[in-house]
């Protein structure tokens, strides 16, 4: 994926279970990989879990577990692994994005 001149364009937005993304290059100005709470159909994933991301060459902001926050419809993110990834001039590297607050306010 090469979106070097496009803003706000995540490389991979993933949610759900048992995901393996490997051996790829993501060159953009946004999150290269972002674990999220929504699936492709816009439905809530019960839990984003058991994900392995390996041998990814990344630029942009970085590798993210993000946009995760209090919600009565989404209860967890667990067992997320980044392995053997290289990041060229990323803004943040590997990081967490959260939405603080009460579940009743953001769900």
C-alpha atoms as a PDB file:
ATOM      1  CA  UNK A   1       0.000   0.000   0.000  1.00  0.00           C
ATOM      2  CA  UNK A   2       1.482   3.319  -0.998  1.00  0.00           C
ATOM      3  CA  UNK A   3      -0.566   6.340  -0.015  1.00  0.00           C
ATOM      4  CA  UNK A   4       2.339   8.651   0.714  1.00  0.00           C
ATOM      5  CA  UNK A   5       0.549  11.789  -0.476  1.00  0.00           C
ATOM      6  CA  UNK A   6      -2.862  10.987   0.966  1.00  0.00           C
ATOM      7  CA  UNK A   7      -3.827  12.143   4.448  1.00  0.00           C
ATOM      8  CA  UNK A   8      -6.099  10.236   6.832  1.00  0.00           C
ATOM      9  CA  UNK A   9      -5.767   6.952   4.954  1.00  0.00           C
ATOM     10  CA  UNK A  10      -5.079   3.967   7.211  1.00  0.00           C
ATOM     11  CA  UNK A  11      -3.250   1.058   5.624  1.00  0.00           C
ATOM     12  CA  UNK A  12      -5.087  -1.812   7.349  1.00  0.00           C
ATOM     13  CA  UNK A  13      -8.101  -1.290   9.638  1.00  0.00           C
ATOM     14  CA  UNK A  14      -8.818  -4.620  11.286  1.00  0.00           C
ATOM     15  CA  UNK A  15     -11.301  -5.968  13.824  1.00  0.00           C
ATOM     16  CA  UNK A  16     -12.471  -9.395  14.846  1.00  0.00           C
ATOM     17  CA  UNK A  17     -10.623 -12.588  15.712  1.00  0.00           C
ATOM     18  CA  UNK A  18      -7.715 -14.691  14.478  1.00  0.00           C
ATOM     19  CA  UNK A  19      -6.094 -12.211  12.065  1.00  0.00           C
ATOM     20  CA  UNK A  20      -2.618 -12.700  10.547  1.00  0.00           C
ATOM     21  CA  UNK A  21      -1.175  -9.941   8.342  1.00  0.00           C
ATOM     22  CA  UNK A  22       2.409 -10.453   7.209  1.00  0.00           C
ATOM     23  CA  UNK A  23       5.121  -9.695   4.663  1.00  0.00           C
ATOM     24  CA  UNK A  24       3.872  -6.349   3.400  1.00  0.00           C
ATOM     25  CA  UNK A  25       4.872  -2.705   3.078  1.00  0.00           C
ATOM     26  CA  UNK A  26       2.626   0.177   4.102  1.00  0.00           C
ATOM     27  CA  UNK A  27       3.894   3.634   3.214  1.00  0.00           C
ATOM     28  CA  UNK A  28       1.428   6.402   4.097  1.00  0.00           C
ATOM     29  CA  UNK A  29       0.848   9.459   6.281  1.00  0.00           C
ATOM     30  CA  UNK A  30      -1.528   7.748   8.721  1.00  0.00           C
ATOM     31  CA  UNK A  31      -1.792   4.559  10.788  1.00  0.00           C
ATOM     32  CA  UNK A  32      -0.178   1.717   8.862  1.00  0.00           C
ATOM     33  CA  UNK A  33      -2.057  -0.927  10.849  1.00  0.00           C
ATOM     34  CA  UNK A  34      -4.923  -0.050  13.174  1.00  0.00           C
ATOM     35  CA  UNK A  35      -6.783  -2.589  15.311  1.00  0.00           C
ATOM     36  CA  UNK A  36     -10.326  -1.263  15.669  1.00  0.00           C
ATOM     37  CA  UNK A  37     -13.651  -2.271  17.107  1.00  0.00           C
ATOM     38  CA  UNK A  38     -15.755  -2.282  13.940  1.00  0.00           C
ATOM     39  CA  UNK A  39     -15.854  -5.022  11.322  1.00  0.00           C
ATOM     40  CA  UNK A  40     -16.070  -4.367   7.572  1.00  0.00           C
ATOM     41  CA  UNK A  41     -19.872  -4.432   7.615  1.00  0.00           C
ATOM     42  CA  UNK A  42     -20.037  -1.686  10.236  1.00  0.00           C
ATOM     43  CA  UNK A  43     -21.116  -4.136  12.935  1.00  0.00           C
ATOM     44  CA  UNK A  44     -19.517  -4.224  16.340  1.00  0.00           C
ATOM     45  CA  UNK A  45     -16.950  -6.968  16.854  1.00  0.00           C
ATOM     46  CA  UNK A  46     -17.444  -8.595  20.243  1.00  0.00           C
ATOM     47  CA  UNK A  47     -13.714  -8.666  20.894  1.00  0.00           C
ATOM     48  CA  UNK A  48     -10.733  -7.849  18.698  1.00  0.00           C
ATOM     49  CA  UNK A  49      -8.339 -10.624  19.659  1.00  0.00           C
ATOM     50  CA  UNK A  50      -5.689 -13.110  18.577  1.00  0.00           C
ATOM     51  CA  UNK A  51      -3.992 -10.953  15.949  1.00  0.00           C
ATOM     52  CA  UNK A  52      -0.447 -11.342  14.654  1.00  0.00           C
ATOM     53  CA  UNK A  53       1.209  -8.696  12.498  1.00  0.00           C
ATOM     54  CA  UNK A  54       4.694  -9.630  11.349  1.00  0.00           C
ATOM     55  CA  UNK A  55       7.391  -8.619   8.902  1.00  0.00           C
ATOM     56  CA  UNK A  56       5.630  -5.347   8.075  1.00  0.00           C
ATOM     57  CA  UNK A  57       7.662  -2.423   6.736  1.00  0.00           C
ATOM     58  CA  UNK A  58       5.890   0.745   7.839  1.00  0.00           C
ATOM     59  CA  UNK A  59       6.113   4.502   7.613  1.00  0.00           C
ATOM     60  CA  UNK A  60       3.516   7.117   8.527  1.00  0.00           C
ATOM     61  CA  UNK A  61       2.204   7.397  12.080  1.00  0.00           C
ATOM     62  CA  UNK A  62       2.851   3.800  13.090  1.00  0.00           C
ATOM     63  CA  UNK A  63       1.274   0.539  14.215  1.00  0.00           C
ATOM     64  CA  UNK A  64      -1.788   1.157  16.343  1.00  0.00           C
ATOM     65  CA  UNK A  65      -4.206  -0.474  18.687  1.00  0.00           C
ATOM     66  CA  UNK A  66      -6.653   2.325  18.418  1.00  0.00           C
ATOM     67  CA  UNK A  67      -9.972   4.012  18.692  1.00  0.00           C
ATOM     68  CA  UNK A  68     -10.736   1.651  21.552  1.00  0.00           C
ATOM     69  CA  UNK A  69     -12.761   2.956  24.414  1.00  0.00           C
ATOM     70  CA  UNK A  70     -15.637   2.437  26.772  1.00  0.00           C
ATOM     71  CA  UNK A  71     -18.619   0.930  25.026  1.00  0.00           C
ATOM     72  CA  UNK A  72     -21.315  -1.432  26.187  1.00  0.00           C
ATOM     73  CA  UNK A  73     -21.140  -3.091  22.751  1.00  0.00           C
ATOM     74  CA  UNK A  74     -17.361  -3.697  22.687  1.00  0.00           C
ATOM     75  CA  UNK A  75     -15.707  -5.241  25.673  1.00  0.00           C
ATOM     76  CA  UNK A  76     -12.090  -6.096  24.890  1.00  0.00           C
ATOM     77  CA  UNK A  77      -8.920  -6.038  22.856  1.00  0.00           C
ATOM     78  CA  UNK A  78      -6.472  -8.809  23.706  1.00  0.00           C
ATOM     79  CA  UNK A  79      -3.587 -10.862  22.418  1.00  0.00           C
ATOM     80  CA  UNK A  80      -2.359  -8.398  19.781  1.00  0.00           C
ATOM     81  CA  UNK A  81       1.242  -9.066  18.647  1.00  0.00           C
ATOM     82  CA  UNK A  82       3.545  -7.033  16.399  1.00  0.00           C
ATOM     83  CA  UNK A  83       6.640  -9.086  15.484  1.00  0.00           C
ATOM     84  CA  UNK A  84       9.697  -8.326  13.332  1.00  0.00           C
ATOM     85  CA  UNK A  85       8.287  -5.045  12.009  1.00  0.00           C
ATOM     86  CA  UNK A  86      10.438  -2.168  10.783  1.00  0.00           C
ATOM     87  CA  UNK A  87       9.313   1.436  10.954  1.00  0.00           C
ATOM     88  CA  UNK A  88      11.033   4.087   8.876  1.00  0.00           C
ATOM     89  CA  UNK A  89      10.521   7.576  10.318  1.00  0.00           C
ATOM     90  CA  UNK A  90       7.198   6.779  11.938  1.00  0.00           C
ATOM     91  CA  UNK A  91       5.634   9.539  13.993  1.00  0.00           C
ATOM     92  CA  UNK A  92       4.767   7.356  17.008  1.00  0.00           C
ATOM     93  CA  UNK A  93       5.860   3.743  16.402  1.00  0.00           C
ATOM     94  CA  UNK A  94       3.642   1.216  18.175  1.00  0.00           C
ATOM     95  CA  UNK A  95       1.008   2.899  20.314  1.00  0.00           C
ATOM     96  CA  UNK A  96      -2.498   2.795  21.823  1.00  0.00           C
ATOM     97  CA  UNK A  97      -5.326   5.212  20.996  1.00  0.00           C
ATOM     98  CA  UNK A  98      -8.186   5.342  23.452  1.00  0.00           C
ATOM     99  CA  UNK A  99     -11.480   7.134  23.946  1.00  0.00           C
ATOM    100  CA  UNK A 100     -11.731   7.818  27.661  1.00  0.00           C
ATOM    101  CA  UNK A 101     -15.073   8.209  29.352  1.00  0.00           C
ATOM    102  CA  UNK A 102     -18.001   6.233  30.594  1.00  0.00           C
ATOM    103  CA  UNK A 103     -19.553   3.438  28.556  1.00  0.00           C
ATOM    104  CA  UNK A 104     -22.955   5.123  28.738  1.00  0.00           C
ATOM    105  CA  UNK A 105     -21.469   8.276  27.158  1.00  0.00           C
ATOM    106  CA  UNK A 106     -19.637   6.671  24.222  1.00  0.00           C
ATOM    107  CA  UNK A 107     -21.449   3.377  23.511  1.00  0.00           C
END
